[in-house]
Amino acid sequence: MSGATILVIDDETPIRSIVRAAVESDGGRVLEAANARTGLELAQRERPALIVLDLGLPDQDGLSVCRALRKWSAAPLLILSARHAEAEKAQLLDAGADDYLTKPFSTLELQARLRALLRRARMAPVPGGDAPLVAGDLVIDLAQRVVKRGQEAIHLTKTEWELLKALVSHAGRPMTHQQLFDAVWGRGYGDAQQYLRVYIGHLRRKLEPDPLRPVLILTEGGVGYRFAGPG
């Protein structure tokens, strides 16, 4: 868990100790709260990377704590409970919980679920992949391997597609000549700038409103190119 801070809100000391041991043995840091009030205060003050929440708290039910957290926090939320009702689990997930673990649970399963939640929370969306990238009337869908202007599909060669994919996947960030060359041609020799100059020209003619004044595929002087991203 590489230093992630995890807040455990549970009124049972043995359960907090089990979670602490599981988290700390996996490289994380633990904050503890024995009731909802303390838990919400700690969450606001410490901004943990993940929150483990028990449903049976003495001063407030877990569902209302879950809703209170979701008003301002996007931290992953794992619910712990001895209750087994499926309707209740669904209600909690609808209220913003990310996962549900029924007591008793194994340390290995708890650690695996915590790592999975943290990993997913750290994943940035892939431009054009998690959702089509839209730039004016141009739509680039990396998952469907489709590029359209309005309703008209734009044909790209395999090399053009690979180059566009590399640029769009890093939209908003410059990519060096060598990074693009490696991503498209996958080899460490050849004149990267010359290859790129030719294929960037092809892409601009097909995608830019005015290829002589590009607004999508921008030149980073002496460095490489950058896809401007949605706008």
Protein backbone atom coordinates (compact mmCIF):
# COMPACT_ATOMS: atom_id res chain seq x y z
CA MET A 1 0.00 0.00 0.00
CA SER A 2 3.18 2.06 -0.19
CA GLY A 3 2.56 4.63 2.52
CA ALA A 4 -1.17 5.16 1.93
CA THR A 5 -3.07 6.50 4.95
CA ILE A 6 -6.16 4.46 5.77
CA LEU A 7 -8.81 5.54 8.26
CA VAL A 8 -10.62 2.76 10.15
CA ILE A 9 -13.95 3.73 11.74
CA ASP A 10 -15.09 0.83 13.91
CA ASP A 11 -16.17 0.64 17.54
CA GLU A 12 -14.64 -2.83 18.04
CA THR A 13 -11.04 -2.58 19.20
CA PRO A 14 -10.13 -6.12 18.02
CA ILE A 15 -11.37 -5.33 14.49
CA ARG A 16 -9.39 -2.07 14.38
CA SER A 17 -6.31 -4.01 15.52
CA ILE A 18 -6.79 -6.62 12.78
CA VAL A 19 -7.14 -3.93 10.11
CA ARG A 20 -4.14 -2.04 11.48
CA ALA A 21 -1.96 -5.16 11.39
CA ALA A 22 -3.09 -5.96 7.84
CA VAL A 23 -2.45 -2.43 6.58
CA GLU A 24 0.86 -1.85 8.34
CA SER A 25 2.27 -5.21 7.24
CA ASP A 26 1.51 -4.10 3.68
CA GLY A 27 3.29 -0.74 4.04
CA GLY A 28 0.32 1.50 4.88
CA ARG A 29 -0.44 3.87 7.77
CA VAL A 30 -3.58 3.63 9.92
CA LEU A 31 -5.76 6.18 11.69
CA GLU A 32 -8.39 4.86 14.09
CA ALA A 33 -11.78 6.12 15.20
CA ALA A 34 -14.18 4.30 17.54
CA ASN A 35 -17.29 6.28 16.56
CA ALA A 36 -18.79 8.22 13.68
CA ARG A 37 -18.14 11.69 15.07
CA THR A 38 -14.41 11.08 15.55
CA GLY A 39 -14.22 9.30 12.21
CA LEU A 40 -15.77 12.19 10.28
CA GLU A 41 -13.50 14.68 12.06
CA LEU A 42 -10.40 12.62 11.24
CA ALA A 43 -11.50 12.19 7.63
CA GLN A 44 -11.87 15.95 7.20
CA ARG A 45 -8.60 16.77 8.94
CA GLU A 46 -6.32 14.01 7.62
CA ARG A 47 -7.84 13.34 4.16
CA PRO A 48 -7.01 9.59 4.13
CA ALA A 49 -6.47 7.74 0.86
CA LEU A 50 -9.08 5.13 1.83
CA ILE A 51 -11.70 4.70 4.55
CA VAL A 52 -12.77 1.42 6.18
CA LEU A 53 -16.18 1.91 7.78
CA ASP A 54 -18.15 -0.34 10.13
CA LEU A 55 -21.94 -0.21 9.90
CA GLY A 56 -22.71 -0.75 13.57
CA LEU A 57 -21.35 2.42 15.14
CA PRO A 58 -22.64 3.56 18.56
CA ASP A 59 -23.50 7.16 17.68
CA GLN A 60 -24.59 7.06 14.03
CA ASP A 61 -25.43 4.35 11.49
CA GLY A 62 -22.92 3.55 8.80
CA LEU A 63 -25.25 4.48 5.95
CA SER A 64 -25.56 8.08 7.14
CA VAL A 65 -21.76 8.26 7.66
CA CYS A 66 -21.29 6.98 4.13
CA ARG A 67 -23.62 9.66 2.75
CA ALA A 68 -21.91 12.37 4.83
CA LEU A 69 -18.49 11.37 3.47
CA ARG A 70 -19.69 11.31 -0.11
CA LYS A 71 -20.81 14.94 0.10
CA TRP A 72 -17.18 16.02 -0.08
CA SER A 73 -14.85 13.00 -0.33
CA ALA A 74 -14.07 10.71 -3.27
CA ALA A 75 -11.77 8.46 -1.19
CA PRO A 76 -12.49 4.75 -1.71
CA LEU A 77 -14.85 3.43 0.96
CA LEU A 78 -14.82 -0.20 2.14
CA ILE A 79 -17.72 -1.23 4.37
CA LEU A 80 -17.26 -3.83 7.14
CA SER A 81 -20.30 -5.48 8.68
CA ALA A 82 -21.56 -8.65 10.28
CA ARG A 83 -24.87 -8.16 8.47
CA HIS A 84 -25.53 -10.22 5.35
CA ALA A 85 -28.67 -8.67 3.83
CA GLU A 86 -28.16 -8.13 0.08
CA ALA A 87 -30.62 -5.21 0.04
CA GLU A 88 -28.51 -3.43 2.64
CA LYS A 89 -25.32 -4.03 0.67
CA ALA A 90 -27.00 -2.61 -2.43
CA GLN A 91 -28.20 0.42 -0.46
CA LEU A 92 -24.68 1.13 0.75
CA LEU A 93 -23.16 0.79 -2.68
CA ASP A 94 -25.85 3.12 -4.03
CA ALA A 95 -24.95 5.60 -1.26
CA GLY A 96 -21.35 5.72 -2.48
CA ALA A 97 -19.51 2.79 -0.88
CA ASP A 98 -17.01 1.11 -3.19
CA ASP A 99 -16.87 -2.37 -1.69
CA TYR A 100 -18.35 -4.49 1.08
CA LEU A 101 -16.66 -7.11 3.28
CA THR A 102 -18.62 -9.30 5.66
CA LYS A 103 -17.22 -10.17 9.08
CA PRO A 104 -15.42 -12.42 9.80
CA PHE A 105 -12.93 -11.86 6.99
CA SER A 106 -9.44 -13.10 6.24
CA THR A 107 -6.44 -10.77 6.39
CA LEU A 108 -5.41 -11.77 2.88
CA GLU A 109 -8.82 -10.90 1.44
CA LEU A 110 -8.89 -7.59 3.30
CA GLN A 111 -5.42 -6.66 2.02
CA ALA A 112 -6.29 -7.65 -1.54
CA ARG A 113 -9.48 -5.57 -1.52
CA LEU A 114 -7.70 -2.54 -0.04
CA ARG A 115 -4.93 -2.75 -2.65
CA ALA A 116 -7.49 -3.06 -5.44
CA LEU A 117 -9.41 0.01 -4.24
CA LEU A 118 -6.23 2.07 -3.90
CA ARG A 119 -4.97 0.96 -7.31
CA ARG A 120 -8.22 1.90 -9.00
CA ALA A 121 -8.34 5.26 -7.24
CA ARG A 122 -4.84 6.09 -8.48
CA MET A 123 -5.58 5.21 -12.09
CA ALA A 124 -6.02 8.31 -14.20
CA PRO A 125 -8.54 8.02 -17.02
CA VAL A 126 -6.92 7.32 -20.38
CA PRO A 127 -7.79 10.12 -22.84
CA GLY A 128 -9.73 8.68 -25.76
CA GLY A 129 -9.83 5.26 -24.09
CA ASP A 130 -12.08 5.49 -21.03
CA ALA A 131 -14.27 7.82 -23.06
CA PRO A 132 -14.00 9.10 -26.66
CA LEU A 133 -11.91 12.24 -26.99
CA VAL A 134 -13.91 15.06 -28.57
CA ALA A 135 -12.15 18.05 -30.14
CA GLY A 136 -14.62 20.28 -31.96
CA ASP A 137 -16.42 18.04 -34.48
CA LEU A 138 -13.63 15.45 -34.32
CA VAL A 139 -14.22 12.29 -32.25
CA ILE A 140 -11.38 9.87 -31.48
CA ASP A 141 -12.38 6.59 -29.85
CA LEU A 142 -9.29 4.54 -29.02
CA ALA A 143 -11.32 1.62 -27.65
CA GLN A 144 -13.34 1.31 -30.87
CA ARG A 145 -10.39 2.29 -33.10
CA VAL A 146 -12.57 4.90 -34.77
CA VAL A 147 -11.91 8.49 -35.84
CA LYS A 148 -14.84 10.55 -37.12
CA ARG A 149 -15.55 14.09 -38.16
CA GLY A 150 -19.26 14.49 -37.62
CA GLN A 151 -20.75 11.27 -39.01
CA GLU A 152 -17.94 10.73 -41.50
CA ALA A 153 -15.30 8.13 -40.64
CA ILE A 154 -11.68 9.11 -41.31
CA HIS A 155 -9.46 6.33 -42.61
CA LEU A 156 -6.00 6.08 -41.09
CA THR A 157 -3.20 3.71 -42.04
CA LYS A 158 -1.82 1.41 -39.36
CA THR A 159 1.18 3.67 -38.76
CA GLU A 160 -0.97 6.81 -38.64
CA TRP A 161 -3.30 5.13 -36.15
CA GLU A 162 -0.46 4.04 -33.88
CA LEU A 163 1.01 7.54 -33.92
CA LEU A 164 -2.35 9.14 -33.16
CA LYS A 165 -2.96 6.63 -30.36
CA ALA A 166 0.38 7.47 -28.74
CA LEU A 167 -0.34 11.20 -28.93
CA VAL A 168 -3.96 10.99 -27.72
CA SER A 169 -3.07 8.65 -24.84
CA HIS A 170 -0.85 11.44 -23.52
CA ALA A 171 -3.10 14.33 -24.52
CA GLY A 172 -2.00 17.60 -23.00
CA ARG A 173 1.54 16.34 -22.36
CA PRO A 174 4.50 16.63 -24.74
CA MET A 175 6.00 13.44 -26.14
CA THR A 176 9.58 13.42 -27.34
CA HIS A 177 10.57 12.32 -30.82
CA GLN A 178 12.15 9.20 -29.37
CA GLN A 179 9.10 8.32 -27.25
CA LEU A 180 6.85 8.56 -30.28
CA PHE A 181 9.29 6.69 -32.48
CA ASP A 182 9.57 3.86 -29.97
CA ALA A 183 5.78 3.72 -29.46
CA VAL A 184 5.03 3.49 -33.19
CA TRP A 185 7.99 1.75 -34.79
CA GLY A 186 9.27 -0.06 -31.69
CA ARG A 187 12.93 0.16 -32.52
CA GLY A 188 15.89 2.17 -31.37
CA TYR A 189 17.43 3.07 -34.71
CA GLY A 190 16.43 5.26 -37.63
CA ASP A 191 15.84 8.98 -38.06
CA ALA A 192 12.99 9.53 -35.63
CA GLN A 193 12.46 13.18 -36.56
CA GLN A 194 12.30 12.41 -40.28
CA TYR A 195 9.83 9.55 -39.83
CA LEU A 196 7.68 11.67 -37.56
CA ARG A 197 7.76 14.70 -39.81
CA VAL A 198 6.24 12.63 -42.62
CA TYR A 199 3.52 10.94 -40.58
CA ILE A 200 2.65 13.98 -38.48
CA GLY A 201 2.08 15.70 -41.82
CA HIS A 202 -0.26 12.90 -42.90
CA LEU A 203 -2.25 13.14 -39.68
CA ARG A 204 -2.54 16.90 -39.84
CA ARG A 205 -3.87 16.76 -43.39
CA LYS A 206 -6.54 14.28 -42.29
CA LEU A 207 -7.47 15.73 -38.89
CA GLU A 208 -6.67 19.43 -38.70
CA PRO A 209 -9.16 22.06 -39.93
CA ASP A 210 -6.14 23.86 -41.42
CA PRO A 211 -3.04 21.63 -41.67
CA LEU A 212 -0.80 24.69 -42.08
CA ARG A 213 -2.03 26.12 -38.78
CA PRO A 214 -2.44 23.04 -36.57
CA VAL A 215 -4.48 23.35 -33.40
CA LEU A 216 -4.63 19.65 -32.44
CA ILE A 217 -1.19 18.19 -33.06
CA LEU A 218 1.21 20.83 -31.85
CA THR A 219 4.96 20.99 -32.39
CA GLU A 220 7.07 21.22 -29.25
CA GLY A 221 10.16 22.92 -30.61
CA GLY A 222 13.26 20.73 -30.32
CA VAL A 223 11.35 18.19 -28.22
CA GLY A 224 8.56 16.46 -30.12
CA TYR A 225 4.80 16.84 -30.39
CA ARG A 226 1.79 17.27 -28.14
CA PHE A 227 -1.86 16.52 -28.75
CA ALA A 228 -3.78 19.55 -27.54
CA GLY A 229 -6.64 17.47 -26.16
CA PRO A 230 -10.35 18.24 -26.04
CA GLY A 231 -11.39 21.81 -26.40
